[in-house]
Amino acid sequence: MSNSSSVNEFLLLAFGNTWELQLLHFSLFLGIYLAALLGNGLIITAVACDHRLHTPMYFFLLNLSLLDLGAISTTVPKSMANSLSDTRAISYLGCAVQLFFIISFLLAEYSLLTVMAYDRYVAICKPLHYETLMGSRACARMAAAAWGSGFLNGLLHTAKTFSIPLCKGNVLEQFFCDVPHILKLSCSDSYLGEVGLIAVSACLMLGCFVFIVLSYVQIFTAVLRIPSEQGRHKAFSMCLPHLAVVSLFLSTIVYASLKPPSLSSPTLDLVVTVLYTVVPPAVNPLIYSMRNKELKNALKKLIQ
């Protein structure tokens, strides 16, 4: 293959060589996918239908659930379909579309988590200015900026990645189309442009990470100054679910990006990738509903 135009399809990583292992993979992914659909669907419906949840925090939570559904629906259904049909193939166009959407949804989710940290900071550290700083227009603009930045990054990364000549076959060592594994098929120095784009995105993500850390340092400082135990409990109930989601999301991505080559193996890479692409969409609704009485009451009312 002299260039990428001669590649008609890619071969994704297979979860097993036997029908039993493929069926096990299908069953596990189906369970996780249904849990994500149910949990995020309930949160979206509850926030949309209950006027008591029409606040900035729940507005951003609704957007987070939409992004989670988009991210898991980009990769898991195709992987399950391949297991059932005993194939590894994904078309060239399908791979490009999958890469665009997974990058867009993941980076938009990271941006939204940063916005949610700012929302918690304003609510606890500047409560008197909350209505002014977090008005409906401001929330809509911040959510639109998160979605827009994700899709812009997805477009840039996809366009740059698929403009690179490929001459090292069409086998991807991942269960979905991912930039690093596509770059491994490159046979020229033109991939350096995409590496530079990845570096820019990494710097932006680092900036968001620093902002989240500084926000929570000030949040916890303010919470510890609250005299009443009930007030501290309420503040922690507002912040801990978001902090848990951020920790799960960031820890797996950082480990996947910075782990030394000596620790790299196909199995470990696969497990880490599943942890930050498949597990969070199913776990996030549970995390947010565990310590949130308002959301639990809304979900109970919705189910009843």
C-alpha atoms as a PDB file:
ATOM      1  CA  MET A   1       0.000   0.000   0.000  1.00  0.00           C
ATOM      2  CA  SER A   2       1.662   3.210  -1.147  1.00  0.00           C
ATOM      3  CA  ASN A   3      -0.685   5.663   0.548  1.00  0.00           C
ATOM      4  CA  SER A   4      -3.857   5.975   2.547  1.00  0.00           C
ATOM      5  CA  SER A   5      -6.067   6.139  -0.546  1.00  0.00           C
ATOM      6  CA  SER A   6      -5.300   2.474  -1.244  1.00  0.00           C
ATOM      7  CA  VAL A   7      -6.641   1.430   2.171  1.00  0.00           C
ATOM      8  CA  ASN A   8     -10.291   0.473   1.778  1.00  0.00           C
ATOM      9  CA  GLU A   9     -10.799  -0.803   5.319  1.00  0.00           C
ATOM     10  CA  PHE A  10      -9.068  -1.306   8.646  1.00  0.00           C
ATOM     11  CA  LEU A  11      -8.968  -4.383  10.856  1.00  0.00           C
ATOM     12  CA  LEU A  12      -9.792  -3.730  14.492  1.00  0.00           C
ATOM     13  CA  LEU A  13      -8.537  -5.691  17.480  1.00  0.00           C
ATOM     14  CA  ALA A  14     -10.440  -8.916  18.109  1.00  0.00           C
ATOM     15  CA  PHE A  15     -11.364  -9.753  21.712  1.00  0.00           C
ATOM     16  CA  GLY A  16     -11.050 -13.492  21.160  1.00  0.00           C
ATOM     17  CA  ASN A  17     -10.305 -16.174  18.588  1.00  0.00           C
ATOM     18  CA  THR A  18     -13.140 -18.460  19.647  1.00  0.00           C
ATOM     19  CA  TRP A  19     -16.899 -18.022  19.459  1.00  0.00           C
ATOM     20  CA  GLU A  20     -17.204 -18.384  23.247  1.00  0.00           C
ATOM     21  CA  LEU A  21     -14.821 -15.476  23.913  1.00  0.00           C
ATOM     22  CA  GLN A  22     -16.514 -13.342  21.284  1.00  0.00           C
ATOM     23  CA  LEU A  23     -19.899 -14.072  22.849  1.00  0.00           C
ATOM     24  CA  LEU A  24     -18.499 -13.175  26.288  1.00  0.00           C
ATOM     25  CA  HIS A  25     -17.172  -9.889  24.923  1.00  0.00           C
ATOM     26  CA  PHE A  26     -20.545  -9.156  23.321  1.00  0.00           C
ATOM     27  CA  SER A  27     -22.406  -9.911  26.551  1.00  0.00           C
ATOM     28  CA  LEU A  28     -20.111  -7.724  28.714  1.00  0.00           C
ATOM     29  CA  PHE A  29     -20.247  -4.794  26.321  1.00  0.00           C
ATOM     30  CA  LEU A  30     -24.001  -5.176  25.918  1.00  0.00           C
ATOM     31  CA  GLY A  31     -24.484  -5.048  29.701  1.00  0.00           C
ATOM     32  CA  ILE A  32     -22.300  -1.943  30.024  1.00  0.00           C
ATOM     33  CA  TYR A  33     -23.983  -0.282  27.041  1.00  0.00           C
ATOM     34  CA  LEU A  34     -27.493  -0.919  28.366  1.00  0.00           C
ATOM     35  CA  ALA A  35     -26.454   0.383  31.806  1.00  0.00           C
ATOM     36  CA  ALA A  36     -25.122   3.571  30.168  1.00  0.00           C
ATOM     37  CA  LEU A  37     -28.292   4.010  28.102  1.00  0.00           C
ATOM     38  CA  LEU A  38     -30.528   3.482  31.126  1.00  0.00           C
ATOM     39  CA  GLY A  39     -28.567   5.625  33.593  1.00  0.00           C
ATOM     40  CA  ASN A  40     -27.916   8.563  31.295  1.00  0.00           C
ATOM     41  CA  GLY A  41     -31.374   8.337  29.782  1.00  0.00           C
ATOM     42  CA  LEU A  42     -32.964   8.586  33.230  1.00  0.00           C
ATOM     43  CA  ILE A  43     -30.820  11.589  34.152  1.00  0.00           C
ATOM     44  CA  ILE A  44     -31.627  13.381  30.884  1.00  0.00           C
ATOM     45  CA  THR A  45     -35.347  12.716  31.308  1.00  0.00           C
ATOM     46  CA  ALA A  46     -35.374  13.685  34.992  1.00  0.00           C
ATOM     47  CA  VAL A  47     -33.529  16.970  34.423  1.00  0.00           C
ATOM     48  CA  ALA A  48     -35.679  17.837  31.413  1.00  0.00           C
ATOM     49  CA  CYS A  49     -39.001  17.047  33.105  1.00  0.00           C
ATOM     50  CA  ASP A  50     -38.472  18.245  36.703  1.00  0.00           C
ATOM     51  CA  HIS A  51     -38.524  22.045  36.931  1.00  0.00           C
ATOM     52  CA  ARG A  52     -36.718  21.873  40.302  1.00  0.00           C
ATOM     53  CA  LEU A  53     -33.644  20.601  38.443  1.00  0.00           C
ATOM     54  CA  HIS A  54     -33.570  23.494  35.989  1.00  0.00           C
ATOM     55  CA  THR A  55     -30.397  24.922  37.527  1.00  0.00           C
ATOM     56  CA  PRO A  56     -26.880  25.359  36.079  1.00  0.00           C
ATOM     57  CA  MET A  57     -25.502  22.273  37.852  1.00  0.00           C
ATOM     58  CA  TYR A  58     -28.151  19.961  36.421  1.00  0.00           C
ATOM     59  CA  PHE A  59     -28.030  21.678  33.029  1.00  0.00           C
ATOM     60  CA  PHE A  60     -24.344  20.776  32.778  1.00  0.00           C
ATOM     61  CA  LEU A  61     -25.094  17.277  34.096  1.00  0.00           C
ATOM     62  CA  LEU A  62     -27.633  16.822  31.291  1.00  0.00           C
ATOM     63  CA  ASN A  63     -24.975  17.841  28.765  1.00  0.00           C
ATOM     64  CA  LEU A  64     -22.510  15.418  30.368  1.00  0.00           C
ATOM     65  CA  SER A  65     -25.012  12.573  29.990  1.00  0.00           C
ATOM     66  CA  LEU A  66     -25.524  13.444  26.310  1.00  0.00           C
ATOM     67  CA  LEU A  67     -21.758  13.383  25.744  1.00  0.00           C
ATOM     68  CA  ASP A  68     -21.448  10.070  27.591  1.00  0.00           C
ATOM     69  CA  LEU A  69     -24.143   8.527  25.399  1.00  0.00           C
ATOM     70  CA  GLY A  70     -22.441   9.856  22.296  1.00  0.00           C
ATOM     71  CA  ALA A  71     -18.999   8.564  23.313  1.00  0.00           C
ATOM     72  CA  ILE A  72     -20.096   5.026  24.199  1.00  0.00           C
ATOM     73  CA  SER A  73     -22.386   4.783  21.146  1.00  0.00           C
ATOM     74  CA  THR A  74     -19.464   5.648  18.870  1.00  0.00           C
ATOM     75  CA  THR A  75     -17.343   2.606  19.777  1.00  0.00           C
ATOM     76  CA  VAL A  76     -19.298  -0.119  21.595  1.00  0.00           C
ATOM     77  CA  PRO A  77     -22.065  -1.001  19.071  1.00  0.00           C
ATOM     78  CA  LYS A  78     -19.543  -1.502  16.250  1.00  0.00           C
ATOM     79  CA  SER A  79     -17.350  -3.669  18.467  1.00  0.00           C
ATOM     80  CA  MET A  80     -20.343  -5.792  19.500  1.00  0.00           C
ATOM     81  CA  ALA A  81     -21.501  -6.135  15.897  1.00  0.00           C
ATOM     82  CA  ASN A  82     -18.031  -7.308  14.841  1.00  0.00           C
ATOM     83  CA  SER A  83     -18.031  -9.960  17.565  1.00  0.00           C
ATOM     84  CA  LEU A  84     -21.426 -11.307  16.510  1.00  0.00           C
ATOM     85  CA  SER A  85     -20.515 -11.372  12.826  1.00  0.00           C
ATOM     86  CA  ASP A  86     -17.022 -12.786  13.514  1.00  0.00           C
ATOM     87  CA  THR A  87     -15.245  -9.999  11.655  1.00  0.00           C
ATOM     88  CA  ARG A  88     -12.704  -7.291  12.465  1.00  0.00           C
ATOM     89  CA  ALA A  89     -13.325  -4.965   9.529  1.00  0.00           C
ATOM     90  CA  ILE A  90     -14.360  -1.330   9.565  1.00  0.00           C
ATOM     91  CA  SER A  91     -14.536   0.723   6.376  1.00  0.00           C
ATOM     92  CA  TYR A  92     -12.148   3.606   5.706  1.00  0.00           C
ATOM     93  CA  LEU A  93     -15.000   6.129   5.913  1.00  0.00           C
ATOM     94  CA  GLY A  94     -16.437   4.405   8.979  1.00  0.00           C
ATOM     95  CA  CYS A  95     -13.060   4.624  10.703  1.00  0.00           C
ATOM     96  CA  ALA A  96     -12.789   8.341   9.930  1.00  0.00           C
ATOM     97  CA  VAL A  97     -16.298   9.001  11.254  1.00  0.00           C
ATOM     98  CA  GLN A  98     -15.613   6.954  14.386  1.00  0.00           C
ATOM     99  CA  LEU A  99     -12.346   8.787  15.045  1.00  0.00           C
ATOM    100  CA  PHE A 100     -14.019  12.173  14.585  1.00  0.00           C
ATOM    101  CA  PHE A 101     -16.842  11.462  16.999  1.00  0.00           C
ATOM    102  CA  ILE A 102     -14.809   9.742  19.737  1.00  0.00           C
ATOM    103  CA  ILE A 103     -12.292  12.618  19.841  1.00  0.00           C
ATOM    104  CA  SER A 104     -15.093  15.194  19.725  1.00  0.00           C
ATOM    105  CA  PHE A 105     -17.123  13.640  22.534  1.00  0.00           C
ATOM    106  CA  LEU A 106     -14.157  12.914  24.829  1.00  0.00           C
ATOM    107  CA  LEU A 107     -12.592  16.368  24.493  1.00  0.00           C
ATOM    108  CA  ALA A 108     -15.988  18.064  24.815  1.00  0.00           C
ATOM    109  CA  GLU A 109     -16.598  16.037  27.990  1.00  0.00           C
ATOM    110  CA  TYR A 110     -13.249  17.131  29.404  1.00  0.00           C
ATOM    111  CA  SER A 111     -14.067  20.774  28.631  1.00  0.00           C
ATOM    112  CA  LEU A 112     -17.497  20.363  30.239  1.00  0.00           C
ATOM    113  CA  LEU A 113     -15.971  18.872  33.383  1.00  0.00           C
ATOM    114  CA  THR A 114     -13.806  22.004  33.588  1.00  0.00           C
ATOM    115  CA  VAL A 115     -16.901  24.189  33.263  1.00  0.00           C
ATOM    116  CA  MET A 116     -18.625  22.147  35.991  1.00  0.00           C
ATOM    117  CA  ALA A 117     -15.645  22.736  38.292  1.00  0.00           C
ATOM    118  CA  TYR A 118     -16.059  26.472  37.705  1.00  0.00           C
ATOM    119  CA  ASP A 119     -19.770  26.178  38.486  1.00  0.00           C
ATOM    120  CA  ARG A 120     -18.996  24.461  41.822  1.00  0.00           C
ATOM    121  CA  TYR A 121     -16.341  27.106  42.585  1.00  0.00           C
ATOM    122  CA  VAL A 122     -18.759  29.985  42.035  1.00  0.00           C
ATOM    123  CA  ALA A 123     -21.550  28.247  43.991  1.00  0.00           C
ATOM    124  CA  ILE A 124     -19.399  27.716  47.088  1.00  0.00           C
ATOM    125  CA  CYS A 125     -16.779  30.462  47.010  1.00  0.00           C
ATOM    126  CA  LYS A 126     -18.890  33.293  45.504  1.00  0.00           C
ATOM    127  CA  PRO A 127     -22.496  32.428  46.348  1.00  0.00           C
ATOM    128  CA  LEU A 128     -23.676  36.059  46.267  1.00  0.00           C
ATOM    129  CA  HIS A 129     -22.538  36.420  42.648  1.00  0.00           C
ATOM    130  CA  TYR A 130     -23.831  33.015  41.518  1.00  0.00           C
ATOM    131  CA  GLU A 131     -26.988  34.269  39.803  1.00  0.00           C
ATOM    132  CA  THR A 132     -24.989  36.896  37.918  1.00  0.00           C
ATOM    133  CA  LEU A 133     -22.056  34.719  36.857  1.00  0.00           C
ATOM    134  CA  MET A 134     -24.070  31.580  36.119  1.00  0.00           C
ATOM    135  CA  GLY A 135     -27.110  33.002  34.367  1.00  0.00           C
ATOM    136  CA  SER A 136     -28.912  31.033  31.673  1.00  0.00           C
ATOM    137  CA  ARG A 137     -27.092  32.786  28.823  1.00  0.00           C
ATOM    138  CA  ALA A 138     -23.703  32.297  30.436  1.00  0.00           C
ATOM    139  CA  CYS A 139     -24.419  28.585  31.000  1.00  0.00           C
ATOM    140  CA  ALA A 140     -25.589  28.143  27.412  1.00  0.00           C
ATOM    141  CA  ARG A 141     -22.446  29.835  26.105  1.00  0.00           C
ATOM    142  CA  MET A 142     -20.145  27.718  28.287  1.00  0.00           C
ATOM    143  CA  ALA A 143     -21.888  24.502  27.233  1.00  0.00           C
ATOM    144  CA  ALA A 144     -21.744  25.565  23.567  1.00  0.00           C
ATOM    145  CA  ALA A 145     -18.032  26.364  23.950  1.00  0.00           C
ATOM    146  CA  ALA A 146     -17.405  22.886  25.410  1.00  0.00           C
ATOM    147  CA  TRP A 147     -19.272  21.158  22.561  1.00  0.00           C
ATOM    148  CA  GLY A 148     -17.714  23.433  19.936  1.00  0.00           C
ATOM    149  CA  SER A 149     -14.147  22.954  21.154  1.00  0.00           C
ATOM    150  CA  GLY A 150     -14.616  19.186  21.145  1.00  0.00           C
ATOM    151  CA  PHE A 151     -15.966  19.042  17.615  1.00  0.00           C
ATOM    152  CA  LEU A 152     -13.356  21.490  16.319  1.00  0.00           C
ATOM    153  CA  ASN A 153     -10.584  19.326  17.782  1.00  0.00           C
ATOM    154  CA  GLY A 154     -12.235  16.221  16.343  1.00  0.00           C
ATOM    155  CA  LEU A 155     -12.353  17.779  12.895  1.00  0.00           C
ATOM    156  CA  LEU A 156      -8.712  18.921  13.002  1.00  0.00           C
ATOM    157  CA  HIS A 157      -7.373  15.592  14.298  1.00  0.00           C
ATOM    158  CA  THR A 158      -9.422  13.537  11.826  1.00  0.00           C
ATOM    159  CA  ALA A 159      -8.456  15.669   8.827  1.00  0.00           C
ATOM    160  CA  LYS A 160      -4.769  15.591   9.749  1.00  0.00           C
ATOM    161  CA  THR A 161      -4.673  11.882  10.621  1.00  0.00           C
ATOM    162  CA  PHE A 162      -6.332  10.727   7.410  1.00  0.00           C
ATOM    163  CA  SER A 163      -4.149  12.939   5.240  1.00  0.00           C
ATOM    164  CA  ILE A 164      -1.096  10.889   6.280  1.00  0.00           C
ATOM    165  CA  PRO A 165       0.173   8.229   3.820  1.00  0.00           C
ATOM    166  CA  LEU A 166      -0.166   4.702   5.189  1.00  0.00           C
ATOM    167  CA  CYS A 167       2.035   1.853   4.027  1.00  0.00           C
ATOM    168  CA  LYS A 168       2.336  -0.531   6.996  1.00  0.00           C
ATOM    169  CA  GLY A 169      -0.834  -2.503   6.491  1.00  0.00           C
ATOM    170  CA  ASN A 170      -4.310  -1.834   7.856  1.00  0.00           C
ATOM    171  CA  VAL A 171      -4.314  -3.644  11.231  1.00  0.00           C
ATOM    172  CA  LEU A 172      -5.179  -1.486  14.263  1.00  0.00           C
ATOM    173  CA  GLU A 173      -4.312  -2.871  17.696  1.00  0.00           C
ATOM    174  CA  GLN A 174      -7.391  -1.310  19.279  1.00  0.00           C
ATOM    175  CA  PHE A 175     -11.126  -2.087  19.298  1.00  0.00           C
ATOM    176  CA  PHE A 176     -11.918   1.290  17.720  1.00  0.00           C
ATOM    177  CA  CYS A 177     -10.135   3.737  15.423  1.00  0.00           C
ATOM    178  CA  ASP A 178      -7.638   5.669  17.526  1.00  0.00           C
ATOM    179  CA  VAL A 179      -5.061   8.264  16.436  1.00  0.00           C
ATOM    180  CA  PRO A 180      -1.882   6.639  17.907  1.00  0.00           C
ATOM    181  CA  HIS A 181      -2.647   3.269  16.303  1.00  0.00           C
ATOM    182  CA  ILE A 182      -3.355   4.831  12.913  1.00  0.00           C
ATOM    183  CA  LEU A 183      -0.084   6.795  13.135  1.00  0.00           C
ATOM    184  CA  LYS A 184       1.768   3.483  13.603  1.00  0.00           C
ATOM    185  CA  LEU A 185       0.778   2.625  10.015  1.00  0.00           C
ATOM    186  CA  SER A 186       2.431   5.773   8.651  1.00  0.00           C
ATOM    187  CA  CYS A 187       5.531   5.449   6.503  1.00  0.00           C
ATOM    188  CA  SER A 188       6.617   9.102   6.280  1.00  0.00           C
ATOM    189  CA  ASP A 189       7.476  12.068   8.462  1.00  0.00           C
ATOM    190  CA  SER A 190       4.135  13.719   7.667  1.00  0.00           C
ATOM    191  CA  TYR A 191       2.735  12.276  10.893  1.00  0.00           C
ATOM    192  CA  LEU A 192       4.774  14.873  12.808  1.00  0.00           C
ATOM    193  CA  GLY A 193       2.068  17.446  12.070  1.00  0.00           C
ATOM    194  CA  GLU A 194      -0.529  15.313  13.863  1.00  0.00           C
ATOM    195  CA  VAL A 195       1.924  14.757  16.731  1.00  0.00           C
ATOM    196  CA  GLY A 196       2.241  18.527  17.049  1.00  0.00           C
ATOM    197  CA  LEU A 197      -1.555  18.860  17.061  1.00  0.00           C
ATOM    198  CA  ILE A 198      -1.738  16.231  19.801  1.00  0.00           C
ATOM    199  CA  ALA A 199       0.859  18.206  21.794  1.00  0.00           C
ATOM    200  CA  VAL A 200      -1.239  21.382  21.495  1.00  0.00           C
ATOM    201  CA  SER A 201      -4.352  19.512  22.656  1.00  0.00           C
ATOM    202  CA  ALA A 202      -2.351  18.040  25.548  1.00  0.00           C
ATOM    203  CA  CYS A 203      -1.259  21.518  26.632  1.00  0.00           C
ATOM    204  CA  LEU A 204      -4.859  22.730  26.568  1.00  0.00           C
ATOM    205  CA  MET A 205      -5.913  19.690  28.614  1.00  0.00           C
ATOM    206  CA  LEU A 206      -3.112  20.424  31.077  1.00  0.00           C
ATOM    207  CA  GLY A 207      -4.386  23.975  31.425  1.00  0.00           C
ATOM    208  CA  CYS A 208      -7.900  22.654  32.149  1.00  0.00           C
ATOM    209  CA  PHE A 209      -6.441  20.232  34.692  1.00  0.00           C
ATOM    210  CA  VAL A 210      -4.586  23.027  36.505  1.00  0.00           C
ATOM    211  CA  PHE A 211      -7.788  25.086  36.542  1.00  0.00           C
ATOM    212  CA  ILE A 212      -9.771  22.177  38.031  1.00  0.00           C
ATOM    213  CA  VAL A 213      -7.122  21.569  40.714  1.00  0.00           C
ATOM    214  CA  LEU A 214      -6.940  25.245  41.697  1.00  0.00           C
ATOM    215  CA  SER A 215     -10.735  25.449  41.768  1.00  0.00           C
ATOM    216  CA  TYR A 216     -11.008  22.516  44.145  1.00  0.00           C
ATOM    217  CA  VAL A 217      -8.218  23.791  46.375  1.00  0.00           C
ATOM    218  CA  GLN A 218     -10.239  26.984  46.895  1.00  0.00           C
ATOM    219  CA  ILE A 219     -13.502  25.021  47.187  1.00  0.00           C
ATOM    220  CA  PHE A 220     -12.225  22.751  49.950  1.00  0.00           C
ATOM    221  CA  THR A 221     -10.610  25.701  51.717  1.00  0.00           C
ATOM    222  CA  ALA A 222     -13.975  27.466  51.722  1.00  0.00           C
ATOM    223  CA  VAL A 223     -15.878  24.322  52.758  1.00  0.00           C
ATOM    224  CA  LEU A 224     -13.639  23.720  55.773  1.00  0.00           C
ATOM    225  CA  ARG A 225     -14.435  27.252  56.968  1.00  0.00           C
ATOM    226  CA  ILE A 226     -18.179  26.548  57.053  1.00  0.00           C
ATOM    227  CA  PRO A 227     -19.105  26.434  60.769  1.00  0.00           C
ATOM    228  CA  SER A 228     -22.040  24.025  60.588  1.00  0.00           C
ATOM    229  CA  GLU A 229     -21.543  20.336  59.942  1.00  0.00           C
ATOM    230  CA  GLN A 230     -24.724  20.255  57.858  1.00  0.00           C
ATOM    231  CA  GLY A 231     -23.387  23.010  55.613  1.00  0.00           C
ATOM    232  CA  ARG A 232     -20.104  21.179  55.078  1.00  0.00           C
ATOM    233  CA  HIS A 233     -21.980  17.950  54.317  1.00  0.00           C
ATOM    234  CA  LYS A 234     -24.134  19.703  51.715  1.00  0.00           C
ATOM    235  CA  ALA A 235     -21.093  21.314  50.079  1.00  0.00           C
ATOM    236  CA  PHE A 236     -19.220  18.028  49.918  1.00  0.00           C
ATOM    237  CA  SER A 237     -22.321  16.340  48.461  1.00  0.00           C
ATOM    238  CA  MET A 238     -22.263  18.891  45.658  1.00  0.00           C
ATOM    239  CA  CYS A 239     -18.554  18.521  44.886  1.00  0.00           C
ATOM    240  CA  LEU A 240     -17.506  14.922  45.563  1.00  0.00           C
ATOM    241  CA  PRO A 241     -19.464  13.306  42.671  1.00  0.00           C
ATOM    242  CA  HIS A 242     -17.919  15.718  40.183  1.00  0.00           C
ATOM    243  CA  LEU A 243     -14.470  15.200  41.669  1.00  0.00           C
ATOM    244  CA  ALA A 244     -14.890  11.404  41.451  1.00  0.00           C
ATOM    245  CA  VAL A 245     -15.888  11.612  37.767  1.00  0.00           C
ATOM    246  CA  VAL A 246     -12.957  13.920  36.980  1.00  0.00           C
ATOM    247  CA  SER A 247     -10.524  11.616  38.808  1.00  0.00           C
ATOM    248  CA  LEU A 248     -11.718   8.508  36.968  1.00  0.00           C
ATOM    249  CA  PHE A 249     -11.622  10.244  33.595  1.00  0.00           C
ATOM    250  CA  LEU A 250      -8.243  11.924  34.036  1.00  0.00           C
ATOM    251  CA  SER A 251      -6.349   9.133  35.790  1.00  0.00           C
ATOM    252  CA  THR A 252      -6.979   6.617  33.012  1.00  0.00           C
ATOM    253  CA  ILE A 253      -6.217   9.077  30.207  1.00  0.00           C
ATOM    254  CA  VAL A 254      -3.026  10.301  31.884  1.00  0.00           C
ATOM    255  CA  TYR A 255      -1.886   6.739  32.532  1.00  0.00           C
ATOM    256  CA  ALA A 256      -2.603   5.747  28.930  1.00  0.00           C
ATOM    257  CA  SER A 257      -0.643   8.752  27.642  1.00  0.00           C
ATOM    258  CA  LEU A 258       2.342   8.767  30.010  1.00  0.00           C
ATOM    259  CA  LYS A 259       2.953   5.120  30.889  1.00  0.00           C
ATOM    260  CA  PRO A 260       6.519   3.982  30.049  1.00  0.00           C
ATOM    261  CA  PRO A 261       7.009   1.669  27.061  1.00  0.00           C
ATOM    262  CA  SER A 262       8.233  -1.098  29.388  1.00  0.00           C
ATOM    263  CA  LEU A 263       4.730  -1.316  30.900  1.00  0.00           C
ATOM    264  CA  SER A 264       2.981  -1.290  27.548  1.00  0.00           C
ATOM    265  CA  SER A 265       1.257  -4.439  26.353  1.00  0.00           C
ATOM    266  CA  PRO A 266      -1.783  -5.072  24.123  1.00  0.00           C
ATOM    267  CA  THR A 267      -3.834  -6.394  27.042  1.00  0.00           C
ATOM    268  CA  LEU A 268      -2.966  -3.508  29.389  1.00  0.00           C
ATOM    269  CA  ASP A 269      -3.551  -0.924  26.662  1.00  0.00           C
ATOM    270  CA  LEU A 270      -6.944  -2.469  25.966  1.00  0.00           C
ATOM    271  CA  VAL A 271      -7.969  -2.465  29.645  1.00  0.00           C
ATOM    272  CA  VAL A 272      -6.910   1.174  30.131  1.00  0.00           C
ATOM    273  CA  THR A 273      -8.743   2.252  26.971  1.00  0.00           C
ATOM    274  CA  VAL A 274     -11.921   0.515  28.102  1.00  0.00           C
ATOM    275  CA  LEU A 275     -11.603   2.275  31.466  1.00  0.00           C
ATOM    276  CA  TYR A 276     -11.732   5.779  29.962  1.00  0.00           C
ATOM    277  CA  THR A 277     -14.008   5.190  26.941  1.00  0.00           C
ATOM    278  CA  VAL A 278     -16.528   2.524  27.992  1.00  0.00           C
ATOM    279  CA  VAL A 279     -16.738   2.454  31.796  1.00  0.00           C
ATOM    280  CA  PRO A 280     -17.278   6.191  32.636  1.00  0.00           C
ATOM    281  CA  PRO A 281     -20.531   6.585  30.629  1.00  0.00           C
ATOM    282  CA  ALA A 282     -22.021   3.664  32.586  1.00  0.00           C
ATOM    283  CA  VAL A 283     -20.614   4.700  35.982  1.00  0.00           C
ATOM    284  CA  ASN A 284     -21.132   8.484  35.883  1.00  0.00           C
ATOM    285  CA  PRO A 285     -24.931   8.389  36.401  1.00  0.00           C
ATOM    286  CA  LEU A 286     -24.441   6.153  39.436  1.00  0.00           C
ATOM    287  CA  ILE A 287     -21.789   8.450  40.910  1.00  0.00           C
ATOM    288  CA  TYR A 288     -23.916  11.575  40.481  1.00  0.00           C
ATOM    289  CA  SER A 289     -27.079  10.011  41.882  1.00  0.00           C
ATOM    290  CA  MET A 290     -25.520   8.381  44.986  1.00  0.00           C
ATOM    291  CA  ARG A 291     -25.018  11.546  47.093  1.00  0.00           C
ATOM    292  CA  ASN A 292     -27.576  13.814  45.417  1.00  0.00           C
ATOM    293  CA  LYS A 293     -30.945  13.816  47.187  1.00  0.00           C
ATOM    294  CA  GLU A 294     -32.620  16.128  44.670  1.00  0.00           C
ATOM    295  CA  LEU A 295     -31.638  13.921  41.756  1.00  0.00           C
ATOM    296  CA  LYS A 296     -32.581  10.730  43.608  1.00  0.00           C
ATOM    297  CA  ASN A 297     -36.016  12.155  44.431  1.00  0.00           C
ATOM    298  CA  ALA A 298     -36.514  13.196  40.818  1.00  0.00           C
ATOM    299  CA  LEU A 299     -35.502   9.741  39.578  1.00  0.00           C
ATOM    300  CA  LYS A 300     -37.840   8.041  42.073  1.00  0.00           C
ATOM    301  CA  LYS A 301     -40.695  10.280  40.952  1.00  0.00           C
ATOM    302  CA  LEU A 302     -39.873   9.556  37.301  1.00  0.00           C
ATOM    303  CA  ILE A 303     -39.752   5.783  37.834  1.00  0.00           C
ATOM    304  CA  GLN A 304     -42.982   5.780  39.840  1.00  0.00           C
END
